[in-house]
Amino acid sequence: QVQLVESGGGLVQAGGSLRLACEVSGRTFSWYAMDWFRQAPGKEREFVAAISSSGRDTLHADSVKGRFTISRDNAKNTVYLQINSLKPEDTANYYCARGPLGATLPTQAADMDYWGKGTLVTVSS
């Protein structure tokens, strides 16, 4: 069973930064693309960023482009999300998820096969 554990969330003032991490169990981490999604209270889960299995290719949602950066360290089985210039509308639970085998940059939540439990990011104005 693959487990994903997020960390790094917290309360931060607008304009601040956080670095989220997601550690993945198992020995096949480097085979799969990884994503970050977020879900704000009362809203649907939305795609934030994706990274290919090698880390060479990335994709960021328009709403976070230029402020958020996804990266990964395959030696540490960990995917990261650096979030800068935080805004109150970035307040949400942030989830990492594993893409289906063979997908380069998946973006649909329904396609992801494993999820973490999330880490809460709260941005105060």
N, C-alpha and C. Protein backbone atom coordinates (compact mmCIF):
# COMPACT_ATOMS: atom_id res chain seq x y z
N GLN A 1 0.84 -1.19 0.00
CA GLN A 1 0.00 0.00 0.00
C GLN A 1 0.88 1.24 0.00
N VAL A 2 0.64 2.13 -0.92
CA VAL A 2 1.40 3.37 -1.01
C VAL A 2 0.81 4.40 -0.06
N GLN A 3 1.67 5.06 0.67
CA GLN A 3 1.22 6.12 1.58
C GLN A 3 1.87 7.44 1.20
N LEU A 4 1.08 8.51 1.26
CA LEU A 4 1.56 9.85 0.98
C LEU A 4 1.30 10.69 2.22
N VAL A 5 2.32 11.37 2.70
CA VAL A 5 2.19 12.17 3.91
C VAL A 5 2.69 13.59 3.65
N GLU A 6 1.75 14.53 3.73
CA GLU A 6 2.10 15.93 3.52
C GLU A 6 2.54 16.59 4.82
N SER A 7 3.34 17.63 4.68
CA SER A 7 3.76 18.43 5.82
C SER A 7 4.08 19.84 5.34
N GLY A 8 4.21 20.76 6.29
CA GLY A 8 4.65 22.10 5.96
C GLY A 8 3.58 23.17 5.98
N GLY A 9 2.32 22.78 6.15
CA GLY A 9 1.26 23.77 6.20
C GLY A 9 1.32 24.58 7.48
N GLY A 10 0.50 25.62 7.53
CA GLY A 10 0.45 26.45 8.72
C GLY A 10 -0.25 27.76 8.47
N LEU A 11 -0.17 28.63 9.46
CA LEU A 11 -0.77 29.96 9.38
C LEU A 11 0.31 30.95 8.98
N VAL A 12 0.04 31.73 7.95
CA VAL A 12 1.03 32.68 7.45
C VAL A 12 0.32 33.96 7.03
N GLN A 13 1.00 35.07 7.14
CA GLN A 13 0.42 36.33 6.71
C GLN A 13 0.48 36.46 5.19
N ALA A 14 -0.43 37.24 4.65
CA ALA A 14 -0.42 37.51 3.21
C ALA A 14 0.95 38.05 2.81
N GLY A 15 1.42 37.56 1.68
CA GLY A 15 2.75 37.93 1.20
C GLY A 15 3.85 36.99 1.65
N GLY A 16 3.53 36.12 2.57
CA GLY A 16 4.51 35.19 3.09
C GLY A 16 4.71 33.98 2.20
N SER A 17 5.55 33.05 2.69
CA SER A 17 5.90 31.86 1.93
C SER A 17 5.83 30.62 2.81
N LEU A 18 5.62 29.51 2.16
CA LEU A 18 5.67 28.20 2.81
C LEU A 18 6.26 27.21 1.82
N ARG A 19 6.83 26.14 2.35
CA ARG A 19 7.27 25.03 1.51
C ARG A 19 6.59 23.76 2.00
N LEU A 20 5.72 23.24 1.17
CA LEU A 20 5.04 22.00 1.49
C LEU A 20 5.87 20.82 0.98
N ALA A 21 5.79 19.72 1.69
CA ALA A 21 6.48 18.50 1.29
C ALA A 21 5.51 17.34 1.35
N CYS A 22 5.74 16.36 0.52
CA CYS A 22 4.93 15.14 0.50
C CYS A 22 5.88 13.96 0.32
N GLU A 23 5.97 13.17 1.37
CA GLU A 23 6.83 11.98 1.31
C GLU A 23 5.98 10.77 0.94
N VAL A 24 6.50 9.98 0.03
CA VAL A 24 5.76 8.85 -0.52
C VAL A 24 6.48 7.55 -0.17
N SER A 25 5.75 6.59 0.31
CA SER A 25 6.35 5.30 0.66
C SER A 25 6.53 4.45 -0.59
N GLY A 26 7.38 3.44 -0.47
CA GLY A 26 7.57 2.50 -1.57
C GLY A 26 8.80 2.80 -2.41
N ARG A 27 9.06 1.87 -3.34
CA ARG A 27 10.28 1.96 -4.13
C ARG A 27 10.04 2.36 -5.57
N THR A 28 8.80 2.75 -5.89
CA THR A 28 8.49 3.09 -7.28
C THR A 28 8.16 4.56 -7.47
N PHE A 29 8.54 5.38 -6.51
CA PHE A 29 8.20 6.81 -6.56
C PHE A 29 8.64 7.44 -7.88
N SER A 30 9.83 7.11 -8.34
CA SER A 30 10.37 7.75 -9.55
C SER A 30 9.69 7.31 -10.83
N TRP A 31 8.76 6.37 -10.75
CA TRP A 31 8.04 5.93 -11.95
C TRP A 31 6.85 6.83 -12.28
N TYR A 32 6.41 7.62 -11.32
CA TYR A 32 5.12 8.28 -11.43
C TYR A 32 5.21 9.81 -11.40
N ALA A 33 4.34 10.44 -12.21
CA ALA A 33 4.13 11.87 -12.06
C ALA A 33 3.42 12.12 -10.73
N MET A 34 3.65 13.30 -10.19
CA MET A 34 3.03 13.68 -8.92
C MET A 34 2.36 15.04 -9.06
N ASP A 35 1.28 15.21 -8.34
CA ASP A 35 0.51 16.45 -8.40
C ASP A 35 0.28 17.02 -7.00
N TRP A 36 -0.04 18.30 -7.00
CA TRP A 36 -0.63 18.97 -5.85
C TRP A 36 -2.00 19.50 -6.27
N PHE A 37 -2.96 19.28 -5.38
CA PHE A 37 -4.30 19.84 -5.51
C PHE A 37 -4.59 20.63 -4.24
N ARG A 38 -5.64 21.43 -4.28
CA ARG A 38 -6.08 22.12 -3.06
C ARG A 38 -7.60 22.21 -3.04
N GLN A 39 -8.12 22.30 -1.83
CA GLN A 39 -9.56 22.43 -1.66
C GLN A 39 -9.85 23.44 -0.56
N ALA A 40 -10.49 24.51 -0.94
CA ALA A 40 -10.89 25.54 0.00
C ALA A 40 -12.27 25.19 0.58
N PRO A 41 -12.59 25.71 1.75
CA PRO A 41 -13.90 25.41 2.34
C PRO A 41 -15.05 25.77 1.40
N GLY A 42 -15.94 24.81 1.19
CA GLY A 42 -17.10 25.06 0.36
C GLY A 42 -16.84 25.04 -1.13
N LYS A 43 -15.62 24.68 -1.52
CA LYS A 43 -15.28 24.66 -2.95
C LYS A 43 -14.82 23.28 -3.37
N GLU A 44 -14.79 23.07 -4.66
CA GLU A 44 -14.31 21.80 -5.20
C GLU A 44 -12.79 21.75 -5.17
N ARG A 45 -12.28 20.54 -5.16
CA ARG A 45 -10.84 20.35 -5.22
C ARG A 45 -10.33 20.82 -6.57
N GLU A 46 -9.23 21.56 -6.57
CA GLU A 46 -8.72 22.09 -7.83
C GLU A 46 -7.25 21.73 -8.01
N PHE A 47 -6.88 21.55 -9.24
CA PHE A 47 -5.50 21.26 -9.62
C PHE A 47 -4.62 22.47 -9.36
N VAL A 48 -3.44 22.21 -8.81
CA VAL A 48 -2.47 23.27 -8.54
C VAL A 48 -1.22 23.12 -9.41
N ALA A 49 -0.62 21.92 -9.40
CA ALA A 49 0.63 21.74 -10.13
C ALA A 49 0.89 20.26 -10.34
N ALA A 50 1.67 19.96 -11.38
CA ALA A 50 2.06 18.59 -11.68
C ALA A 50 3.54 18.57 -12.07
N ILE A 51 4.17 17.43 -11.81
CA ILE A 51 5.57 17.26 -12.19
C ILE A 51 5.74 15.86 -12.75
N SER A 52 6.50 15.75 -13.82
CA SER A 52 6.71 14.44 -14.44
C SER A 52 7.56 13.55 -13.56
N SER A 53 7.62 12.28 -13.90
CA SER A 53 8.32 11.31 -13.06
C SER A 53 9.80 11.65 -12.90
N SER A 54 10.41 12.19 -13.93
CA SER A 54 11.84 12.55 -13.86
C SER A 54 12.05 13.91 -13.21
N GLY A 55 10.99 14.72 -13.19
CA GLY A 55 11.12 16.09 -12.68
C GLY A 55 11.46 17.11 -13.75
N ARG A 56 11.65 16.63 -14.98
CA ARG A 56 12.06 17.53 -16.06
C ARG A 56 10.93 18.47 -16.48
N ASP A 57 9.70 17.97 -16.45
CA ASP A 57 8.56 18.77 -16.91
C ASP A 57 7.64 19.11 -15.75
N THR A 58 7.14 20.34 -15.77
CA THR A 58 6.19 20.77 -14.75
C THR A 58 5.05 21.55 -15.40
N LEU A 59 3.95 21.62 -14.68
CA LEU A 59 2.78 22.36 -15.13
C LEU A 59 2.14 22.99 -13.90
N HIS A 60 1.81 24.27 -14.01
CA HIS A 60 1.18 24.97 -12.90
C HIS A 60 -0.13 25.60 -13.36
N ALA A 61 -1.13 25.59 -12.48
CA ALA A 61 -2.39 26.24 -12.79
C ALA A 61 -2.16 27.74 -12.97
N ASP A 62 -2.98 28.34 -13.82
CA ASP A 62 -2.83 29.78 -14.09
C ASP A 62 -2.93 30.60 -12.81
N SER A 63 -3.76 30.14 -11.88
CA SER A 63 -4.01 30.90 -10.66
C SER A 63 -2.79 30.97 -9.74
N VAL A 64 -1.82 30.08 -9.96
CA VAL A 64 -0.64 30.06 -9.08
C VAL A 64 0.66 30.27 -9.85
N LYS A 65 0.57 30.36 -11.15
CA LYS A 65 1.77 30.48 -11.97
C LYS A 65 2.57 31.72 -11.56
N GLY A 66 3.86 31.53 -11.40
CA GLY A 66 4.72 32.63 -11.00
C GLY A 66 4.86 32.77 -9.49
N ARG A 67 3.98 32.11 -8.73
CA ARG A 67 4.05 32.19 -7.26
C ARG A 67 4.36 30.83 -6.64
N PHE A 68 3.88 29.76 -7.27
CA PHE A 68 4.07 28.41 -6.75
C PHE A 68 5.04 27.66 -7.66
N THR A 69 5.84 26.79 -7.07
CA THR A 69 6.77 25.97 -7.85
C THR A 69 6.78 24.55 -7.31
N ILE A 70 6.50 23.60 -8.19
CA ILE A 70 6.56 22.18 -7.81
C ILE A 70 7.94 21.64 -8.16
N SER A 71 8.44 20.75 -7.30
CA SER A 71 9.72 20.09 -7.56
C SER A 71 9.70 18.73 -6.88
N ARG A 72 10.71 17.94 -7.15
CA ARG A 72 10.76 16.61 -6.54
C ARG A 72 12.21 16.19 -6.35
N ASP A 73 12.40 15.29 -5.38
CA ASP A 73 13.69 14.67 -5.13
C ASP A 73 13.45 13.17 -5.12
N ASN A 74 13.78 12.51 -6.20
CA ASN A 74 13.49 11.08 -6.30
C ASN A 74 14.34 10.25 -5.33
N ALA A 75 15.48 10.77 -4.93
CA ALA A 75 16.31 10.05 -3.97
C ALA A 75 15.67 10.05 -2.58
N LYS A 76 14.81 11.03 -2.33
CA LYS A 76 14.15 11.15 -1.03
C LYS A 76 12.66 10.79 -1.09
N ASN A 77 12.20 10.32 -2.26
CA ASN A 77 10.77 9.98 -2.41
C ASN A 77 9.87 11.13 -1.97
N THR A 78 10.23 12.33 -2.33
CA THR A 78 9.51 13.50 -1.85
C THR A 78 9.23 14.49 -2.99
N VAL A 79 8.02 15.02 -2.97
CA VAL A 79 7.63 16.09 -3.88
C VAL A 79 7.35 17.33 -3.04
N TYR A 80 7.72 18.48 -3.58
CA TYR A 80 7.61 19.73 -2.85
C TYR A 80 6.71 20.73 -3.58
N LEU A 81 6.18 21.67 -2.82
CA LEU A 81 5.48 22.80 -3.41
C LEU A 81 5.93 24.05 -2.66
N GLN A 82 6.71 24.86 -3.34
CA GLN A 82 7.14 26.14 -2.80
C GLN A 82 6.07 27.17 -3.13
N ILE A 83 5.51 27.80 -2.10
CA ILE A 83 4.45 28.75 -2.34
C ILE A 83 4.86 30.11 -1.79
N ASN A 84 4.90 31.10 -2.66
CA ASN A 84 5.35 32.44 -2.33
C ASN A 84 4.22 33.45 -2.57
N SER A 85 4.41 34.65 -2.06
CA SER A 85 3.44 35.73 -2.26
C SER A 85 2.02 35.27 -1.96
N LEU A 86 1.87 34.61 -0.81
CA LEU A 86 0.58 34.02 -0.48
C LEU A 86 -0.52 35.07 -0.36
N LYS A 87 -1.71 34.69 -0.78
CA LYS A 87 -2.90 35.53 -0.73
C LYS A 87 -3.96 34.84 0.12
N PRO A 88 -4.87 35.59 0.72
CA PRO A 88 -5.93 34.95 1.51
C PRO A 88 -6.70 33.90 0.72
N GLU A 89 -6.86 34.10 -0.58
CA GLU A 89 -7.59 33.12 -1.40
C GLU A 89 -6.81 31.83 -1.63
N ASP A 90 -5.57 31.77 -1.19
CA ASP A 90 -4.81 30.52 -1.24
C ASP A 90 -5.11 29.62 -0.05
N THR A 91 -5.89 30.12 0.91
CA THR A 91 -6.26 29.31 2.07
C THR A 91 -7.01 28.06 1.63
N ALA A 92 -6.51 26.90 2.02
CA ALA A 92 -7.08 25.63 1.58
C ALA A 92 -6.33 24.48 2.23
N ASN A 93 -6.91 23.31 2.12
CA ASN A 93 -6.17 22.08 2.38
C ASN A 93 -5.43 21.71 1.11
N TYR A 94 -4.15 21.43 1.23
CA TYR A 94 -3.33 21.08 0.09
C TYR A 94 -3.02 19.59 0.13
N TYR A 95 -3.28 18.92 -0.99
CA TYR A 95 -3.12 17.48 -1.09
C TYR A 95 -2.10 17.12 -2.16
N CYS A 96 -1.27 16.14 -1.89
CA CYS A 96 -0.46 15.58 -2.96
C CYS A 96 -1.13 14.29 -3.43
N ALA A 97 -0.86 13.96 -4.66
CA ALA A 97 -1.48 12.79 -5.27
C ALA A 97 -0.55 12.19 -6.31
N ARG A 98 -0.67 10.89 -6.48
CA ARG A 98 0.15 10.19 -7.46
C ARG A 98 -0.64 9.98 -8.75
N GLY A 99 -0.01 10.28 -9.86
CA GLY A 99 -0.66 10.10 -11.14
C GLY A 99 -0.66 8.66 -11.60
N PRO A 100 -1.45 8.33 -12.61
CA PRO A 100 -1.46 6.96 -13.14
C PRO A 100 -0.16 6.66 -13.88
N LEU A 101 0.23 5.40 -13.86
CA LEU A 101 1.46 4.98 -14.51
C LEU A 101 1.42 5.35 -15.99
N GLY A 102 2.45 6.02 -16.45
CA GLY A 102 2.52 6.41 -17.85
C GLY A 102 2.09 7.83 -18.14
N ALA A 103 1.39 8.46 -17.21
CA ALA A 103 0.95 9.85 -17.42
C ALA A 103 2.12 10.79 -17.20
N THR A 104 2.24 11.79 -18.05
CA THR A 104 3.35 12.73 -17.94
C THR A 104 3.01 13.87 -16.98
N LEU A 105 1.92 14.57 -17.25
CA LEU A 105 1.50 15.69 -16.41
C LEU A 105 -0.02 15.63 -16.23
N PRO A 106 -0.48 14.70 -15.41
CA PRO A 106 -1.92 14.59 -15.20
C PRO A 106 -2.47 15.79 -14.45
N THR A 107 -3.72 16.15 -14.72
CA THR A 107 -4.33 17.29 -14.06
C THR A 107 -5.71 17.00 -13.47
N GLN A 108 -6.25 15.84 -13.76
CA GLN A 108 -7.61 15.52 -13.32
C GLN A 108 -7.57 14.71 -12.03
N ALA A 109 -8.28 15.19 -11.02
CA ALA A 109 -8.30 14.50 -9.73
C ALA A 109 -8.79 13.07 -9.86
N ALA A 110 -9.74 12.85 -10.76
CA ALA A 110 -10.31 11.52 -10.92
C ALA A 110 -9.29 10.51 -11.44
N ASP A 111 -8.22 10.99 -12.04
CA ASP A 111 -7.20 10.09 -12.60
C ASP A 111 -6.13 9.68 -11.59
N MET A 112 -6.04 10.38 -10.49
CA MET A 112 -4.99 10.12 -9.51
C MET A 112 -5.32 8.86 -8.72
N ASP A 113 -4.28 8.03 -8.42
CA ASP A 113 -4.60 6.77 -7.78
C ASP A 113 -4.32 6.72 -6.28
N TYR A 114 -3.48 7.56 -5.77
CA TYR A 114 -3.24 7.63 -4.32
C TYR A 114 -3.19 9.10 -3.90
N TRP A 115 -3.70 9.32 -2.69
CA TRP A 115 -3.78 10.68 -2.14
C TRP A 115 -3.24 10.72 -0.72
N GLY A 116 -2.68 11.86 -0.36
CA GLY A 116 -2.38 12.10 1.03
C GLY A 116 -3.60 12.65 1.74
N LYS A 117 -3.46 12.86 3.06
CA LYS A 117 -4.58 13.36 3.85
C LYS A 117 -4.66 14.89 3.87
N GLY A 118 -3.63 15.53 3.37
CA GLY A 118 -3.67 16.98 3.26
C GLY A 118 -2.94 17.72 4.36
N THR A 119 -2.56 18.94 4.04
CA THR A 119 -1.97 19.84 5.02
C THR A 119 -2.63 21.20 4.83
N LEU A 120 -3.03 21.82 5.94
CA LEU A 120 -3.81 23.04 5.88
C LEU A 120 -2.91 24.26 5.79
N VAL A 121 -3.21 25.11 4.82
CA VAL A 121 -2.55 26.40 4.68
C VAL A 121 -3.59 27.48 4.92
N THR A 122 -3.32 28.34 5.88
CA THR A 122 -4.22 29.43 6.20
C THR A 122 -3.47 30.75 6.04
N VAL A 123 -4.00 31.63 5.21
CA VAL A 123 -3.35 32.90 4.94
C VAL A 123 -4.19 34.02 5.52
N SER A 124 -3.61 34.77 6.42
CA SER A 124 -4.34 35.89 7.03
C SER A 124 -4.03 37.18 6.28
N SER A 125 -5.03 38.06 6.24
CA SER A 125 -4.86 39.32 5.52
C SER A 125 -4.32 40.41 6.42
